[in-house]
């Protein structure tokens, strides 16, 4: 599945994010985080759910999520795509088009 947001293309099949066709380098967990938020964009995702589904239950602290969100926003060059619900979790709020 591919998601489009302006000049960004997020391609699950090739595990890549491109801006205007140029591949953006990003950590695999951050890619998984972005895709998980987009797939579930109709609702707020708790930090515990992110730990379960993105970090697969590994014993990591909540700061790893904060770091991942920060990196995602920087790579995407958009601060407005992921909403922080303080003390609870995160939600993808930017409209995306979906190519199957």
N, C-alpha and C. Protein backbone atom coordinates (compact mmCIF):
# COMPACT_ATOMS: atom_id res chain seq x y z
N UNK A 1 0.84 -1.17 0.00
CA UNK A 1 0.00 0.00 0.00
C UNK A 1 0.89 1.24 0.00
N UNK A 2 0.46 2.26 -0.71
CA UNK A 2 1.18 3.53 -0.76
C UNK A 2 0.28 4.65 -0.27
N UNK A 3 0.86 5.54 0.49
CA UNK A 3 0.15 6.70 1.01
C UNK A 3 0.84 7.94 0.45
N UNK A 4 0.04 8.93 0.09
CA UNK A 4 0.59 10.18 -0.44
C UNK A 4 0.13 11.35 0.41
N UNK A 5 1.09 12.22 0.67
CA UNK A 5 0.86 13.43 1.44
C UNK A 5 1.70 14.52 0.79
N UNK A 6 1.07 15.33 -0.04
CA UNK A 6 1.82 16.36 -0.75
C UNK A 6 2.92 15.75 -1.59
N UNK A 7 4.16 16.16 -1.35
CA UNK A 7 5.30 15.65 -2.12
C UNK A 7 5.89 14.37 -1.53
N UNK A 8 5.23 13.83 -0.50
CA UNK A 8 5.71 12.61 0.15
C UNK A 8 4.95 11.38 -0.34
N UNK A 9 5.68 10.29 -0.50
CA UNK A 9 5.09 8.99 -0.81
C UNK A 9 5.63 8.00 0.22
N UNK A 10 4.71 7.36 0.92
CA UNK A 10 5.08 6.36 1.93
C UNK A 10 4.65 5.02 1.38
N UNK A 11 5.62 4.17 1.05
CA UNK A 11 5.36 2.91 0.36
C UNK A 11 5.67 1.74 1.29
N UNK A 12 4.61 1.09 1.77
CA UNK A 12 4.78 -0.05 2.67
C UNK A 12 5.50 -1.21 1.99
N UNK A 13 5.18 -1.47 0.74
CA UNK A 13 5.74 -2.62 0.04
C UNK A 13 7.25 -2.54 -0.13
N UNK A 14 7.74 -1.34 -0.42
CA UNK A 14 9.19 -1.19 -0.60
C UNK A 14 9.87 -0.66 0.66
N UNK A 15 9.07 -0.50 1.75
CA UNK A 15 9.61 -0.05 3.03
C UNK A 15 10.40 1.25 2.84
N UNK A 16 9.75 2.24 2.17
CA UNK A 16 10.46 3.46 1.82
C UNK A 16 9.54 4.68 1.92
N UNK A 17 10.17 5.80 2.21
CA UNK A 17 9.51 7.09 2.13
C UNK A 17 10.30 7.93 1.15
N UNK A 18 9.59 8.53 0.21
CA UNK A 18 10.23 9.36 -0.80
C UNK A 18 9.62 10.76 -0.80
N UNK A 19 10.48 11.74 -1.07
CA UNK A 19 10.03 13.11 -1.26
C UNK A 19 10.41 13.48 -2.68
N UNK A 20 9.40 13.79 -3.49
CA UNK A 20 9.64 14.12 -4.90
C UNK A 20 10.49 13.04 -5.57
N UNK A 21 10.26 11.79 -5.22
CA UNK A 21 10.96 10.67 -5.82
C UNK A 21 12.28 10.31 -5.17
N UNK A 22 12.82 11.19 -4.32
CA UNK A 22 14.11 10.94 -3.67
C UNK A 22 13.87 10.17 -2.37
N UNK A 23 14.60 9.09 -2.21
CA UNK A 23 14.48 8.24 -1.03
C UNK A 23 14.98 8.96 0.22
N UNK A 24 14.17 8.92 1.28
CA UNK A 24 14.57 9.50 2.56
C UNK A 24 15.10 8.38 3.44
N UNK A 25 16.22 8.62 4.07
CA UNK A 25 16.79 7.62 4.96
C UNK A 25 16.13 7.69 6.33
N UNK A 26 15.65 6.54 6.81
CA UNK A 26 15.07 6.54 8.13
C UNK A 26 15.12 5.17 8.75
N UNK A 27 15.17 5.15 10.06
CA UNK A 27 15.28 3.91 10.80
C UNK A 27 14.04 3.04 10.58
N UNK A 28 14.22 1.72 10.53
CA UNK A 28 13.08 0.82 10.31
C UNK A 28 11.95 1.00 11.33
N UNK A 29 12.27 1.20 12.60
CA UNK A 29 11.21 1.38 13.62
C UNK A 29 10.44 2.67 13.38
N UNK A 30 11.13 3.70 12.95
CA UNK A 30 10.45 4.97 12.68
C UNK A 30 9.52 4.80 11.48
N UNK A 31 9.96 4.06 10.48
CA UNK A 31 9.09 3.77 9.34
C UNK A 31 7.85 3.02 9.82
N UNK A 32 8.05 1.98 10.63
CA UNK A 32 6.92 1.22 11.16
C UNK A 32 5.98 2.09 11.98
N UNK A 33 6.54 3.01 12.75
CA UNK A 33 5.75 3.93 13.55
C UNK A 33 4.86 4.80 12.65
N UNK A 34 5.44 5.37 11.62
CA UNK A 34 4.69 6.22 10.68
C UNK A 34 3.57 5.42 10.04
N UNK A 35 3.89 4.24 9.54
CA UNK A 35 2.87 3.42 8.86
C UNK A 35 1.77 3.00 9.82
N UNK A 36 2.13 2.63 11.05
CA UNK A 36 1.11 2.22 12.03
C UNK A 36 0.17 3.38 12.34
N UNK A 37 0.72 4.57 12.51
CA UNK A 37 -0.12 5.74 12.77
C UNK A 37 -1.03 6.05 11.58
N UNK A 38 -0.49 5.94 10.37
CA UNK A 38 -1.32 6.21 9.19
C UNK A 38 -2.43 5.18 9.07
N UNK A 39 -2.10 3.91 9.22
CA UNK A 39 -3.12 2.85 9.12
C UNK A 39 -4.26 3.05 10.12
N UNK A 40 -3.93 3.61 11.27
CA UNK A 40 -4.91 3.78 12.34
C UNK A 40 -5.27 5.25 12.55
N UNK A 41 -5.22 6.03 11.50
CA UNK A 41 -5.37 7.48 11.59
C UNK A 41 -6.74 7.95 12.07
N UNK A 42 -7.72 7.08 12.11
CA UNK A 42 -9.05 7.50 12.56
C UNK A 42 -9.18 7.56 14.08
N UNK A 43 -8.10 7.20 14.78
CA UNK A 43 -8.19 7.19 16.24
C UNK A 43 -6.84 7.52 16.87
N UNK A 44 -6.88 7.86 18.15
CA UNK A 44 -5.67 8.10 18.92
C UNK A 44 -5.07 6.75 19.32
N UNK A 45 -3.77 6.63 19.18
CA UNK A 45 -3.06 5.40 19.52
C UNK A 45 -2.31 5.63 20.83
N UNK A 46 -2.56 4.77 21.81
CA UNK A 46 -1.88 4.93 23.09
C UNK A 46 -0.41 4.55 22.98
N UNK A 47 0.35 5.02 23.93
CA UNK A 47 1.77 4.68 23.98
C UNK A 47 1.96 3.18 24.16
N UNK A 48 1.11 2.56 24.99
CA UNK A 48 1.21 1.12 25.20
C UNK A 48 0.95 0.35 23.90
N UNK A 49 -0.02 0.81 23.13
CA UNK A 49 -0.31 0.14 21.85
C UNK A 49 0.87 0.27 20.90
N UNK A 50 1.48 1.45 20.86
CA UNK A 50 2.66 1.63 20.01
C UNK A 50 3.79 0.72 20.44
N UNK A 51 4.00 0.61 21.75
CA UNK A 51 5.04 -0.30 22.23
C UNK A 51 4.76 -1.74 21.83
N UNK A 52 3.51 -2.15 21.91
CA UNK A 52 3.12 -3.51 21.53
C UNK A 52 3.28 -3.78 20.04
N UNK A 53 2.83 -2.83 19.22
CA UNK A 53 2.76 -3.09 17.78
C UNK A 53 3.98 -2.64 16.99
N UNK A 54 4.67 -1.64 17.47
CA UNK A 54 5.85 -1.16 16.74
C UNK A 54 7.14 -1.72 17.35
N UNK A 55 7.19 -1.74 18.67
CA UNK A 55 8.38 -2.27 19.35
C UNK A 55 8.15 -3.71 19.80
N UNK A 56 7.04 -4.27 19.43
CA UNK A 56 6.70 -5.69 19.65
C UNK A 56 6.91 -6.15 21.09
N UNK A 57 6.56 -5.26 22.02
CA UNK A 57 6.61 -5.63 23.42
C UNK A 57 7.99 -5.63 24.05
N UNK A 58 9.01 -5.21 23.30
CA UNK A 58 10.35 -5.14 23.90
C UNK A 58 10.31 -4.17 25.07
N UNK A 59 11.12 -4.44 26.04
CA UNK A 59 11.16 -3.61 27.24
C UNK A 59 11.95 -2.34 26.95
N UNK A 60 11.25 -1.34 26.47
CA UNK A 60 11.86 -0.03 26.22
C UNK A 60 11.01 1.01 26.92
N UNK A 61 11.60 2.14 27.24
CA UNK A 61 10.87 3.19 27.92
C UNK A 61 10.06 4.04 26.96
N UNK A 62 9.18 4.85 27.52
CA UNK A 62 8.35 5.73 26.72
C UNK A 62 9.13 6.76 25.93
N UNK A 63 10.37 7.03 26.37
CA UNK A 63 11.17 8.02 25.65
C UNK A 63 11.52 7.55 24.24
N UNK A 64 11.52 6.25 24.01
CA UNK A 64 11.80 5.74 22.66
C UNK A 64 10.68 6.15 21.70
N UNK A 65 9.46 6.21 22.19
CA UNK A 65 8.34 6.65 21.35
C UNK A 65 8.49 8.14 21.05
N UNK A 66 8.77 8.93 22.07
CA UNK A 66 8.95 10.37 21.89
C UNK A 66 10.05 10.64 20.87
N UNK A 67 11.14 9.90 20.97
CA UNK A 67 12.26 10.04 20.03
C UNK A 67 11.80 9.67 18.62
N UNK A 68 11.07 8.55 18.48
CA UNK A 68 10.59 8.12 17.18
C UNK A 68 9.67 9.13 16.53
N UNK A 69 8.78 9.72 17.32
CA UNK A 69 7.86 10.75 16.81
C UNK A 69 8.65 11.98 16.35
N UNK A 70 9.62 12.38 17.13
CA UNK A 70 10.45 13.53 16.80
C UNK A 70 11.20 13.30 15.49
N UNK A 71 11.79 12.12 15.35
CA UNK A 71 12.51 11.79 14.12
C UNK A 71 11.56 11.76 12.93
N UNK A 72 10.38 11.16 13.11
CA UNK A 72 9.40 11.10 12.01
C UNK A 72 9.01 12.50 11.56
N UNK A 73 8.73 13.38 12.49
CA UNK A 73 8.36 14.76 12.13
C UNK A 73 9.49 15.46 11.40
N UNK A 74 10.72 15.24 11.84
CA UNK A 74 11.87 15.87 11.20
C UNK A 74 12.09 15.33 9.79
N UNK A 75 12.01 14.01 9.63
CA UNK A 75 12.22 13.40 8.31
C UNK A 75 11.13 13.85 7.34
N UNK A 76 9.90 13.87 7.82
CA UNK A 76 8.77 14.26 6.98
C UNK A 76 8.73 15.77 6.75
N UNK A 77 9.51 16.51 7.55
CA UNK A 77 9.55 17.97 7.51
C UNK A 77 8.17 18.57 7.75
N UNK A 78 7.42 17.89 8.59
CA UNK A 78 6.07 18.34 8.92
C UNK A 78 5.83 18.10 10.40
N UNK A 79 5.57 19.14 11.13
CA UNK A 79 5.25 19.01 12.55
C UNK A 79 3.76 18.76 12.76
N UNK A 80 2.96 19.05 11.73
CA UNK A 80 1.51 19.02 11.87
C UNK A 80 0.85 17.69 11.50
N UNK A 81 1.62 16.69 11.14
CA UNK A 81 1.01 15.43 10.69
C UNK A 81 0.67 14.49 11.84
N UNK A 82 1.39 14.61 12.94
CA UNK A 82 1.18 13.74 14.10
C UNK A 82 0.81 14.61 15.29
N UNK A 83 -0.38 14.38 15.81
CA UNK A 83 -0.87 15.14 16.97
C UNK A 83 -0.46 14.39 18.24
N UNK A 84 0.07 15.13 19.20
CA UNK A 84 0.40 14.56 20.50
C UNK A 84 -0.79 14.75 21.42
N UNK A 85 -1.25 13.66 22.01
CA UNK A 85 -2.29 13.71 23.03
C UNK A 85 -1.55 13.52 24.35
N UNK A 86 -1.23 14.62 25.00
CA UNK A 86 -0.35 14.60 26.16
C UNK A 86 -0.79 13.59 27.22
N UNK A 87 0.18 12.76 27.62
CA UNK A 87 -0.06 11.76 28.64
C UNK A 87 -0.79 10.52 28.14
N UNK A 88 -1.18 10.49 26.87
CA UNK A 88 -1.97 9.38 26.35
C UNK A 88 -1.32 8.70 25.14
N UNK A 89 -1.07 9.48 24.09
CA UNK A 89 -0.56 8.86 22.88
C UNK A 89 -0.45 9.84 21.72
N UNK A 90 -0.69 9.32 20.52
CA UNK A 90 -0.49 10.10 19.29
C UNK A 90 -1.56 9.75 18.27
N UNK A 91 -1.76 10.67 17.33
CA UNK A 91 -2.68 10.42 16.23
C UNK A 91 -2.17 11.07 14.97
N UNK A 92 -2.24 10.34 13.86
CA UNK A 92 -1.93 10.90 12.55
C UNK A 92 -3.12 11.74 12.15
N UNK A 93 -2.92 13.02 11.85
CA UNK A 93 -4.04 13.90 11.57
C UNK A 93 -4.02 14.51 10.17
N UNK A 94 -2.96 14.32 9.44
CA UNK A 94 -2.88 14.88 8.09
C UNK A 94 -3.64 14.01 7.10
N UNK A 95 -4.35 14.62 6.17
CA UNK A 95 -5.04 13.82 5.16
C UNK A 95 -4.02 13.13 4.24
N UNK A 96 -4.27 11.89 3.92
CA UNK A 96 -3.43 11.15 2.98
C UNK A 96 -4.32 10.51 1.94
N UNK A 97 -3.77 10.36 0.75
CA UNK A 97 -4.47 9.58 -0.27
C UNK A 97 -3.83 8.18 -0.27
N UNK A 98 -4.64 7.19 -0.60
CA UNK A 98 -4.18 5.81 -0.53
C UNK A 98 -4.19 5.20 -1.93
N UNK A 99 -3.05 4.62 -2.31
CA UNK A 99 -2.93 3.85 -3.56
C UNK A 99 -2.73 2.40 -3.16
N UNK A 100 -3.58 1.54 -3.66
CA UNK A 100 -3.46 0.13 -3.30
C UNK A 100 -2.64 -0.63 -4.31
